Amino acid sequence: MKIKWTFEAKMSYYDTLDYWYGHNGSYEYSLKIMEATKEVESKISENPYLSSKYSKKLNLFKIFFLKGKFVLYYKVLIQENTIEIYSFRSTKQKPIFM
């Protein structure tokens, strides 16, 4: 399945990378986040239901990665053969409510 990010999810992703660059003064941790995100994208594109949890309240799947520090919320669009990522978040942030 192909991966598609919403604008809001992509902006949150970039904001997180910028935050960690500013906080640490280097790109090292941001690069780890980028690598882990690519790995989880690959994982869910092969099997979007494996290792993820479904939130009935949000009508979205969620998957934790990078030792549980980050989470992607996504929807599986079977007819479009697409996984749409709705949110990229640190687990330290408040949970999403839609």
N, C-alpha and C. Protein backbone atom coordinates (compact mmCIF):
# COMPACT_ATOMS: atom_id res chain seq x y z
N MET A 1 0.84 -1.18 0.00
CA MET A 1 0.00 0.00 0.00
C MET A 1 0.89 1.25 0.00
N LYS A 2 0.39 2.28 -0.63
CA LYS A 2 1.16 3.52 -0.63
C LYS A 2 0.81 4.35 0.61
N ILE A 3 1.75 5.20 1.00
CA ILE A 3 1.60 6.04 2.19
C ILE A 3 1.34 7.47 1.75
N LYS A 4 0.34 8.08 2.37
CA LYS A 4 0.00 9.48 2.10
C LYS A 4 -0.14 10.19 3.44
N TRP A 5 0.51 11.33 3.58
CA TRP A 5 0.45 12.11 4.83
C TRP A 5 -0.51 13.28 4.65
N THR A 6 -1.29 13.57 5.69
CA THR A 6 -2.08 14.80 5.67
C THR A 6 -1.12 15.96 5.91
N PHE A 7 -1.54 17.14 5.52
CA PHE A 7 -0.72 18.33 5.72
C PHE A 7 -0.37 18.52 7.20
N GLU A 8 -1.37 18.35 8.07
CA GLU A 8 -1.18 18.55 9.50
C GLU A 8 -0.17 17.55 10.08
N ALA A 9 -0.26 16.30 9.64
CA ALA A 9 0.68 15.28 10.13
C ALA A 9 2.10 15.59 9.68
N LYS A 10 2.25 16.01 8.43
CA LYS A 10 3.58 16.33 7.91
C LYS A 10 4.16 17.54 8.63
N MET A 11 3.33 18.53 8.91
CA MET A 11 3.82 19.71 9.63
C MET A 11 4.24 19.34 11.06
N SER A 12 3.49 18.48 11.71
CA SER A 12 3.85 18.03 13.05
C SER A 12 5.18 17.27 13.02
N TYR A 13 5.36 16.47 12.00
CA TYR A 13 6.62 15.73 11.81
C TYR A 13 7.79 16.70 11.68
N TYR A 14 7.65 17.68 10.79
CA TYR A 14 8.73 18.66 10.59
C TYR A 14 8.97 19.52 11.84
N ASP A 15 7.89 19.89 12.52
CA ASP A 15 8.04 20.66 13.77
C ASP A 15 8.82 19.86 14.81
N THR A 16 8.56 18.57 14.88
CA THR A 16 9.27 17.71 15.82
C THR A 16 10.75 17.63 15.47
N LEU A 17 11.06 17.47 14.19
CA LEU A 17 12.46 17.42 13.76
C LEU A 17 13.16 18.74 14.09
N ASP A 18 12.49 19.85 13.83
CA ASP A 18 13.06 21.16 14.14
C ASP A 18 13.28 21.33 15.64
N TYR A 19 12.30 20.89 16.42
CA TYR A 19 12.42 21.01 17.88
C TYR A 19 13.67 20.28 18.37
N TRP A 20 13.86 19.04 17.92
CA TRP A 20 14.99 18.27 18.42
C TRP A 20 16.32 18.81 17.91
N TYR A 21 16.33 19.40 16.73
CA TYR A 21 17.55 20.05 16.26
C TYR A 21 17.89 21.24 17.18
N GLY A 22 16.91 22.07 17.47
CA GLY A 22 17.12 23.22 18.33
C GLY A 22 17.48 22.83 19.75
N HIS A 23 16.83 21.79 20.26
CA HIS A 23 17.07 21.34 21.63
C HIS A 23 18.47 20.76 21.81
N ASN A 24 18.91 19.97 20.82
CA ASN A 24 20.20 19.27 20.94
C ASN A 24 21.34 19.99 20.24
N GLY A 25 21.02 20.91 19.35
CA GLY A 25 22.06 21.61 18.61
C GLY A 25 22.73 20.75 17.54
N SER A 26 22.11 19.63 17.21
CA SER A 26 22.63 18.77 16.13
C SER A 26 21.45 18.03 15.49
N TYR A 27 21.72 17.44 14.35
CA TYR A 27 20.68 16.70 13.63
C TYR A 27 20.65 15.22 14.01
N GLU A 28 21.49 14.79 14.92
CA GLU A 28 21.63 13.37 15.23
C GLU A 28 20.30 12.72 15.63
N TYR A 29 19.59 13.29 16.60
CA TYR A 29 18.33 12.69 17.04
C TYR A 29 17.25 12.85 15.98
N SER A 30 17.24 13.97 15.28
CA SER A 30 16.27 14.16 14.19
C SER A 30 16.45 13.09 13.12
N LEU A 31 17.69 12.73 12.83
CA LEU A 31 17.96 11.68 11.85
C LEU A 31 17.46 10.33 12.35
N LYS A 32 17.57 10.06 13.64
CA LYS A 32 17.03 8.82 14.21
C LYS A 32 15.52 8.78 14.05
N ILE A 33 14.87 9.92 14.28
CA ILE A 33 13.41 9.98 14.12
C ILE A 33 13.04 9.73 12.66
N MET A 34 13.77 10.33 11.74
CA MET A 34 13.50 10.15 10.32
C MET A 34 13.67 8.69 9.91
N GLU A 35 14.73 8.06 10.37
CA GLU A 35 14.98 6.66 10.05
C GLU A 35 13.89 5.76 10.62
N ALA A 36 13.52 5.99 11.88
CA ALA A 36 12.47 5.19 12.52
C ALA A 36 11.12 5.39 11.83
N THR A 37 10.85 6.61 11.38
CA THR A 37 9.60 6.89 10.68
C THR A 37 9.55 6.15 9.36
N LYS A 38 10.66 6.14 8.62
CA LYS A 38 10.71 5.39 7.36
C LYS A 38 10.49 3.90 7.60
N GLU A 39 11.08 3.39 8.68
CA GLU A 39 10.91 1.97 9.00
C GLU A 39 9.45 1.64 9.31
N VAL A 40 8.79 2.49 10.09
CA VAL A 40 7.40 2.22 10.45
C VAL A 40 6.50 2.40 9.22
N GLU A 41 6.82 3.34 8.35
CA GLU A 41 6.05 3.48 7.10
C GLU A 41 6.15 2.20 6.28
N SER A 42 7.34 1.67 6.16
CA SER A 42 7.55 0.43 5.41
C SER A 42 6.78 -0.72 6.04
N LYS A 43 6.82 -0.79 7.35
CA LYS A 43 6.14 -1.85 8.09
C LYS A 43 4.63 -1.80 7.87
N ILE A 44 4.04 -0.62 8.01
CA ILE A 44 2.58 -0.54 7.86
C ILE A 44 2.15 -0.62 6.40
N SER A 45 3.02 -0.26 5.47
CA SER A 45 2.65 -0.39 4.06
C SER A 45 2.57 -1.86 3.65
N GLU A 46 3.36 -2.71 4.32
CA GLU A 46 3.30 -4.15 4.04
C GLU A 46 2.13 -4.81 4.74
N ASN A 47 1.86 -4.42 5.98
CA ASN A 47 0.73 -4.97 6.72
C ASN A 47 0.26 -3.92 7.72
N PRO A 48 -0.75 -3.14 7.37
CA PRO A 48 -1.18 -2.02 8.21
C PRO A 48 -1.82 -2.43 9.53
N TYR A 49 -2.16 -3.71 9.68
CA TYR A 49 -2.86 -4.15 10.88
C TYR A 49 -1.93 -4.79 11.91
N LEU A 50 -0.76 -5.20 11.47
CA LEU A 50 0.20 -5.86 12.36
C LEU A 50 0.86 -4.84 13.27
N SER A 51 0.95 -5.13 14.53
CA SER A 51 1.62 -4.28 15.54
C SER A 51 0.93 -2.94 15.77
N SER A 52 -0.29 -2.79 15.33
CA SER A 52 -1.00 -1.53 15.55
C SER A 52 -2.25 -1.80 16.38
N LYS A 53 -2.78 -0.75 16.94
CA LYS A 53 -4.02 -0.84 17.71
C LYS A 53 -5.05 0.04 17.02
N TYR A 54 -6.30 -0.40 17.08
CA TYR A 54 -7.38 0.37 16.49
C TYR A 54 -8.13 1.12 17.57
N SER A 55 -8.35 2.41 17.33
CA SER A 55 -9.13 3.23 18.25
C SER A 55 -10.51 3.43 17.63
N LYS A 56 -11.49 2.79 18.23
CA LYS A 56 -12.87 2.92 17.74
C LYS A 56 -13.34 4.37 17.88
N LYS A 57 -12.94 5.01 18.96
CA LYS A 57 -13.34 6.40 19.22
C LYS A 57 -12.84 7.34 18.13
N LEU A 58 -11.59 7.14 17.70
CA LEU A 58 -11.00 8.00 16.68
C LEU A 58 -11.21 7.47 15.26
N ASN A 59 -11.58 6.20 15.15
CA ASN A 59 -11.70 5.53 13.86
C ASN A 59 -10.35 5.54 13.13
N LEU A 60 -9.28 5.34 13.88
CA LEU A 60 -7.92 5.34 13.34
C LEU A 60 -7.10 4.23 13.98
N PHE A 61 -6.11 3.77 13.25
CA PHE A 61 -5.13 2.87 13.81
C PHE A 61 -4.00 3.71 14.38
N LYS A 62 -3.29 3.16 15.35
CA LYS A 62 -2.12 3.85 15.88
C LYS A 62 -1.01 2.84 16.07
N ILE A 63 0.20 3.32 15.82
CA ILE A 63 1.37 2.47 16.00
C ILE A 63 2.46 3.29 16.68
N PHE A 64 3.03 2.71 17.71
CA PHE A 64 4.10 3.35 18.47
C PHE A 64 5.43 2.89 17.89
N PHE A 65 6.42 3.79 17.93
CA PHE A 65 7.75 3.42 17.43
C PHE A 65 8.82 4.25 18.11
N LEU A 66 10.06 3.93 17.81
CA LEU A 66 11.24 4.52 18.42
C LEU A 66 11.14 4.38 19.95
N LYS A 67 11.07 3.11 20.35
CA LYS A 67 10.99 2.74 21.78
C LYS A 67 9.78 3.37 22.47
N GLY A 68 8.68 3.50 21.72
CA GLY A 68 7.44 4.03 22.28
C GLY A 68 7.41 5.53 22.47
N LYS A 69 8.37 6.25 21.88
CA LYS A 69 8.44 7.70 22.07
C LYS A 69 7.56 8.48 21.10
N PHE A 70 7.19 7.85 19.99
CA PHE A 70 6.38 8.52 18.97
C PHE A 70 5.25 7.60 18.52
N VAL A 71 4.23 8.21 17.95
CA VAL A 71 3.08 7.45 17.49
C VAL A 71 2.56 8.05 16.19
N LEU A 72 2.15 7.17 15.28
CA LEU A 72 1.47 7.58 14.05
C LEU A 72 0.02 7.13 14.16
N TYR A 73 -0.89 8.01 13.83
CA TYR A 73 -2.31 7.67 13.72
C TYR A 73 -2.63 7.64 12.23
N TYR A 74 -3.29 6.57 11.80
CA TYR A 74 -3.54 6.44 10.36
C TYR A 74 -4.83 5.69 10.07
N LYS A 75 -5.28 5.87 8.84
CA LYS A 75 -6.49 5.21 8.36
C LYS A 75 -6.10 4.38 7.14
N VAL A 76 -6.68 3.19 7.04
CA VAL A 76 -6.44 2.31 5.90
C VAL A 76 -7.57 2.52 4.91
N LEU A 77 -7.22 2.98 3.72
CA LEU A 77 -8.20 3.21 2.65
C LEU A 77 -8.04 2.07 1.64
N ILE A 78 -8.77 1.00 1.86
CA ILE A 78 -8.58 -0.23 1.09
C ILE A 78 -8.83 -0.02 -0.40
N GLN A 79 -9.91 0.66 -0.76
CA GLN A 79 -10.23 0.83 -2.18
C GLN A 79 -9.20 1.66 -2.92
N GLU A 80 -8.51 2.55 -2.19
CA GLU A 80 -7.48 3.38 -2.81
C GLU A 80 -6.08 2.78 -2.66
N ASN A 81 -6.01 1.64 -1.97
CA ASN A 81 -4.73 0.98 -1.69
C ASN A 81 -3.75 1.95 -1.04
N THR A 82 -4.27 2.70 -0.07
CA THR A 82 -3.51 3.78 0.55
C THR A 82 -3.65 3.75 2.06
N ILE A 83 -2.59 4.14 2.73
CA ILE A 83 -2.63 4.39 4.16
C ILE A 83 -2.44 5.88 4.32
N GLU A 84 -3.41 6.53 4.94
CA GLU A 84 -3.33 7.98 5.13
C GLU A 84 -2.96 8.27 6.58
N ILE A 85 -1.81 8.90 6.76
CA ILE A 85 -1.33 9.24 8.09
C ILE A 85 -1.97 10.56 8.50
N TYR A 86 -2.71 10.52 9.61
CA TYR A 86 -3.44 11.68 10.09
C TYR A 86 -2.68 12.47 11.13
N SER A 87 -1.82 11.79 11.87
CA SER A 87 -1.13 12.50 12.94
C SER A 87 0.20 11.83 13.26
N PHE A 88 1.20 12.67 13.47
CA PHE A 88 2.51 12.25 13.96
C PHE A 88 2.69 12.96 15.28
N ARG A 89 2.94 12.22 16.36
CA ARG A 89 3.02 12.84 17.68
C ARG A 89 4.07 12.18 18.54
N SER A 90 4.57 12.96 19.45
CA SER A 90 5.37 12.43 20.54
C SER A 90 4.41 11.88 21.57
N THR A 91 4.77 10.82 22.24
CA THR A 91 3.89 10.28 23.26
C THR A 91 3.85 11.17 24.50
N LYS A 92 4.73 12.16 24.56
CA LYS A 92 4.71 13.13 25.67
C LYS A 92 3.63 14.20 25.48
N GLN A 93 3.13 14.33 24.23
CA GLN A 93 2.06 15.28 23.95
C GLN A 93 0.73 14.71 24.43
N LYS A 94 -0.24 15.59 24.59
CA LYS A 94 -1.58 15.13 24.92
C LYS A 94 -2.10 14.26 23.77
N PRO A 95 -2.87 13.20 24.09
CA PRO A 95 -3.44 12.36 23.03
C PRO A 95 -4.37 13.18 22.14
N ILE A 96 -4.53 12.71 20.91
CA ILE A 96 -5.43 13.42 20.00
C ILE A 96 -6.88 13.05 20.29
N PHE A 97 -7.74 14.00 20.08
CA PHE A 97 -9.18 13.78 20.18
C PHE A 97 -9.81 14.47 18.99
N MET A 98 -10.54 13.71 18.22
CA MET A 98 -11.17 14.28 17.03
C MET A 98 -12.67 14.20 17.17
